Amino acid sequence: MPKILIVDDNRMVLRLLQKELALENFQVLTLNTIELIWKYILEMQPDLVLLGLHSEGFDSWRILNDIKKKIPTLPVLSLIHIW
C-alpha cells in the first residue's frame, strides 16, 4: 500500500485528503505542524509528501527545499488551497 504524508496547518484539508486518499487504498499520515516532519519521514518512509503551500505555521518553501536536498528521490507536491 503506497504511503502518503500530508503536512498542512489546516485540519479540514487534512481530514478531507486523508478520507479521500484512504478510499483509494493509500496509507495516509497527517501532520498539522512541522516539528515532527523529519521523524515521520524517516520512520514512515512515505512514497509521497503533500505539503501545504500557504501554511501560516511554517515556511513551506524552506521545508520543500530541505526535503529535496536531503532526500532528492522523495516526491514532494505542494498543495494550493483553492477554497
N, C-alpha and C. Protein backbone atom coordinates (compact mmCIF):
# COMPACT_ATOMS: atom_id res chain seq x y z
N MET A 1 0.85 -1.18 0.00
CA MET A 1 0.00 0.00 0.00
C MET A 1 0.90 1.24 0.00
N PRO A 2 0.74 2.14 -0.97
CA PRO A 2 1.55 3.36 -1.01
C PRO A 2 1.25 4.26 0.20
N LYS A 3 2.30 4.90 0.71
CA LYS A 3 2.19 5.75 1.89
C LYS A 3 2.34 7.22 1.50
N ILE A 4 1.44 8.03 2.03
CA ILE A 4 1.48 9.46 1.76
C ILE A 4 1.50 10.21 3.09
N LEU A 5 2.43 11.13 3.21
CA LEU A 5 2.50 12.03 4.37
C LEU A 5 1.97 13.38 3.92
N ILE A 6 0.95 13.88 4.62
CA ILE A 6 0.36 15.18 4.30
C ILE A 6 0.66 16.13 5.45
N VAL A 7 1.25 17.28 5.13
CA VAL A 7 1.61 18.28 6.15
C VAL A 7 0.93 19.59 5.78
N ASP A 8 0.03 20.03 6.64
CA ASP A 8 -0.70 21.27 6.41
C ASP A 8 -1.25 21.74 7.75
N ASP A 9 -1.36 23.04 7.94
CA ASP A 9 -1.88 23.54 9.22
C ASP A 9 -3.39 23.70 9.21
N ASN A 10 -4.04 23.34 8.13
CA ASN A 10 -5.49 23.40 8.04
C ASN A 10 -6.06 22.00 8.29
N ARG A 11 -6.66 21.81 9.45
CA ARG A 11 -7.16 20.48 9.83
C ARG A 11 -8.28 19.99 8.91
N MET A 12 -9.07 20.89 8.39
CA MET A 12 -10.14 20.48 7.48
C MET A 12 -9.54 19.89 6.19
N VAL A 13 -8.51 20.51 5.68
CA VAL A 13 -7.83 20.00 4.49
C VAL A 13 -7.24 18.62 4.77
N LEU A 14 -6.62 18.48 5.94
CA LEU A 14 -6.03 17.19 6.32
C LEU A 14 -7.09 16.09 6.38
N ARG A 15 -8.22 16.37 7.02
CA ARG A 15 -9.29 15.37 7.14
C ARG A 15 -9.85 14.98 5.77
N LEU A 16 -10.08 15.98 4.94
CA LEU A 16 -10.64 15.72 3.62
C LEU A 16 -9.69 14.87 2.77
N LEU A 17 -8.42 15.26 2.73
CA LEU A 17 -7.45 14.50 1.93
C LEU A 17 -7.23 13.10 2.49
N GLN A 18 -7.17 12.98 3.80
CA GLN A 18 -6.97 11.66 4.40
C GLN A 18 -8.13 10.74 4.04
N LYS A 19 -9.34 11.23 4.15
CA LYS A 19 -10.52 10.42 3.85
C LYS A 19 -10.53 9.99 2.38
N GLU A 20 -10.33 10.92 1.49
CA GLU A 20 -10.38 10.62 0.06
C GLU A 20 -9.26 9.68 -0.37
N LEU A 21 -8.05 9.90 0.12
CA LEU A 21 -6.92 9.05 -0.26
C LEU A 21 -7.03 7.65 0.36
N ALA A 22 -7.57 7.56 1.56
CA ALA A 22 -7.78 6.24 2.18
C ALA A 22 -8.77 5.42 1.38
N LEU A 23 -9.78 6.07 0.82
CA LEU A 23 -10.75 5.38 -0.03
C LEU A 23 -10.10 4.80 -1.28
N GLU A 24 -8.99 5.40 -1.68
CA GLU A 24 -8.26 4.93 -2.87
C GLU A 24 -7.11 3.99 -2.48
N ASN A 25 -7.15 3.48 -1.25
CA ASN A 25 -6.18 2.49 -0.76
C ASN A 25 -4.77 3.02 -0.56
N PHE A 26 -4.67 4.26 -0.12
CA PHE A 26 -3.38 4.80 0.30
C PHE A 26 -3.32 4.78 1.82
N GLN A 27 -2.14 4.52 2.35
CA GLN A 27 -1.92 4.67 3.78
C GLN A 27 -1.54 6.13 3.99
N VAL A 28 -2.32 6.84 4.79
CA VAL A 28 -2.14 8.29 4.93
C VAL A 28 -1.82 8.65 6.37
N LEU A 29 -0.81 9.47 6.53
CA LEU A 29 -0.47 10.05 7.82
C LEU A 29 -0.50 11.55 7.65
N THR A 30 -1.11 12.25 8.61
CA THR A 30 -1.20 13.70 8.51
C THR A 30 -0.49 14.37 9.68
N LEU A 31 0.05 15.54 9.39
CA LEU A 31 0.67 16.38 10.41
C LEU A 31 0.15 17.80 10.22
N ASN A 32 -0.21 18.47 11.32
CA ASN A 32 -0.63 19.86 11.19
C ASN A 32 0.42 20.82 11.73
N THR A 33 1.59 20.28 12.00
CA THR A 33 2.72 21.09 12.45
C THR A 33 3.99 20.52 11.82
N ILE A 34 4.99 21.32 11.73
CA ILE A 34 6.21 20.91 11.03
C ILE A 34 7.24 20.26 11.96
N GLU A 35 7.05 20.37 13.26
CA GLU A 35 8.05 19.91 14.22
C GLU A 35 8.44 18.44 14.06
N LEU A 36 7.50 17.60 13.68
CA LEU A 36 7.76 16.16 13.61
C LEU A 36 7.98 15.64 12.19
N ILE A 37 8.10 16.53 11.22
CA ILE A 37 8.14 16.07 9.84
C ILE A 37 9.31 15.12 9.57
N TRP A 38 10.50 15.42 10.09
CA TRP A 38 11.65 14.54 9.81
C TRP A 38 11.51 13.21 10.52
N LYS A 39 10.96 13.21 11.72
CA LYS A 39 10.71 11.95 12.42
C LYS A 39 9.79 11.07 11.59
N TYR A 40 8.71 11.65 11.07
CA TYR A 40 7.75 10.87 10.30
C TYR A 40 8.31 10.45 8.93
N ILE A 41 9.07 11.32 8.30
CA ILE A 41 9.67 10.95 7.01
C ILE A 41 10.64 9.78 7.19
N LEU A 42 11.47 9.86 8.23
CA LEU A 42 12.46 8.80 8.44
C LEU A 42 11.83 7.49 8.90
N GLU A 43 10.82 7.56 9.76
CA GLU A 43 10.18 6.34 10.27
C GLU A 43 9.18 5.76 9.28
N MET A 44 8.38 6.58 8.69
CA MET A 44 7.32 6.12 7.80
C MET A 44 7.84 5.78 6.40
N GLN A 45 8.86 6.50 5.97
CA GLN A 45 9.40 6.37 4.62
C GLN A 45 8.27 6.45 3.58
N PRO A 46 7.63 7.61 3.53
CA PRO A 46 6.49 7.75 2.61
C PRO A 46 6.93 7.69 1.15
N ASP A 47 5.97 7.34 0.31
CA ASP A 47 6.20 7.33 -1.13
C ASP A 47 5.98 8.72 -1.72
N LEU A 48 5.29 9.57 -0.96
CA LEU A 48 4.96 10.91 -1.42
C LEU A 48 4.71 11.80 -0.21
N VAL A 49 5.14 13.06 -0.30
CA VAL A 49 4.82 14.06 0.72
C VAL A 49 3.99 15.14 0.04
N LEU A 50 2.83 15.43 0.62
CA LEU A 50 1.99 16.55 0.19
C LEU A 50 2.17 17.65 1.22
N LEU A 51 2.59 18.81 0.78
CA LEU A 51 2.95 19.91 1.68
C LEU A 51 2.11 21.13 1.38
N GLY A 52 1.41 21.62 2.40
CA GLY A 52 0.59 22.82 2.24
C GLY A 52 1.45 24.02 1.88
N LEU A 53 1.15 24.64 0.75
CA LEU A 53 1.96 25.75 0.26
C LEU A 53 1.72 27.04 1.04
N HIS A 54 0.49 27.28 1.43
CA HIS A 54 0.15 28.53 2.11
C HIS A 54 -0.09 28.34 3.60
N SER A 55 0.69 27.51 4.21
CA SER A 55 0.54 27.29 5.64
C SER A 55 1.07 28.48 6.42
N GLU A 56 0.33 28.86 7.43
CA GLU A 56 0.74 30.01 8.24
C GLU A 56 1.72 29.61 9.34
N GLY A 57 1.71 28.34 9.73
CA GLY A 57 2.53 27.90 10.85
C GLY A 57 3.96 27.52 10.50
N PHE A 58 4.29 27.45 9.20
CA PHE A 58 5.65 27.07 8.81
C PHE A 58 5.95 27.56 7.40
N ASP A 59 7.23 27.62 7.09
CA ASP A 59 7.71 28.08 5.79
C ASP A 59 7.76 26.88 4.84
N SER A 60 6.75 26.75 4.03
CA SER A 60 6.63 25.59 3.13
C SER A 60 7.78 25.49 2.15
N TRP A 61 8.21 26.63 1.63
CA TRP A 61 9.31 26.60 0.64
C TRP A 61 10.60 26.09 1.26
N ARG A 62 10.86 26.50 2.49
CA ARG A 62 12.07 26.04 3.17
C ARG A 62 12.02 24.54 3.41
N ILE A 63 10.88 24.04 3.85
CA ILE A 63 10.72 22.61 4.09
C ILE A 63 10.84 21.84 2.79
N LEU A 64 10.21 22.33 1.75
CA LEU A 64 10.30 21.68 0.44
C LEU A 64 11.76 21.58 -0.01
N ASN A 65 12.50 22.67 0.10
CA ASN A 65 13.92 22.66 -0.28
C ASN A 65 14.74 21.75 0.61
N ASP A 66 14.46 21.73 1.90
CA ASP A 66 15.19 20.84 2.82
C ASP A 66 14.98 19.37 2.44
N ILE A 67 13.74 19.02 2.15
CA ILE A 67 13.45 17.63 1.78
C ILE A 67 14.18 17.27 0.49
N LYS A 68 14.10 18.15 -0.50
CA LYS A 68 14.73 17.86 -1.79
C LYS A 68 16.25 17.78 -1.68
N LYS A 69 16.86 18.52 -0.75
CA LYS A 69 18.31 18.44 -0.55
C LYS A 69 18.70 17.15 0.16
N LYS A 70 17.93 16.77 1.18
CA LYS A 70 18.29 15.60 1.99
C LYS A 70 17.84 14.28 1.37
N ILE A 71 16.70 14.28 0.69
CA ILE A 71 16.17 13.06 0.07
C ILE A 71 15.66 13.44 -1.33
N PRO A 72 16.57 13.62 -2.28
CA PRO A 72 16.15 14.10 -3.60
C PRO A 72 15.22 13.16 -4.36
N THR A 73 15.19 11.90 -3.99
CA THR A 73 14.33 10.95 -4.70
C THR A 73 12.89 10.92 -4.16
N LEU A 74 12.65 11.59 -3.03
CA LEU A 74 11.30 11.60 -2.44
C LEU A 74 10.43 12.63 -3.15
N PRO A 75 9.35 12.20 -3.78
CA PRO A 75 8.46 13.17 -4.43
C PRO A 75 7.74 14.03 -3.40
N VAL A 76 7.73 15.33 -3.66
CA VAL A 76 7.05 16.29 -2.79
C VAL A 76 6.18 17.17 -3.67
N LEU A 77 4.90 17.23 -3.34
CA LEU A 77 3.98 18.10 -4.05
C LEU A 77 3.47 19.17 -3.09
N SER A 78 3.38 20.39 -3.57
CA SER A 78 2.84 21.48 -2.77
C SER A 78 1.35 21.60 -3.04
N LEU A 79 0.59 21.73 -1.98
CA LEU A 79 -0.87 21.90 -2.06
C LEU A 79 -1.22 23.36 -2.07
N ILE A 80 -2.04 23.76 -3.00
CA ILE A 80 -2.55 25.12 -3.03
C ILE A 80 -4.03 25.05 -2.70
N HIS A 81 -4.43 25.74 -1.66
CA HIS A 81 -5.85 25.72 -1.27
C HIS A 81 -6.61 26.68 -2.17
N ILE A 82 -7.61 26.15 -2.83
CA ILE A 82 -8.36 26.96 -3.78
C ILE A 82 -9.61 27.55 -3.13
N TRP A 83 -10.08 26.94 -2.07
CA TRP A 83 -11.33 27.45 -1.49
C TRP A 83 -11.07 28.48 -0.44
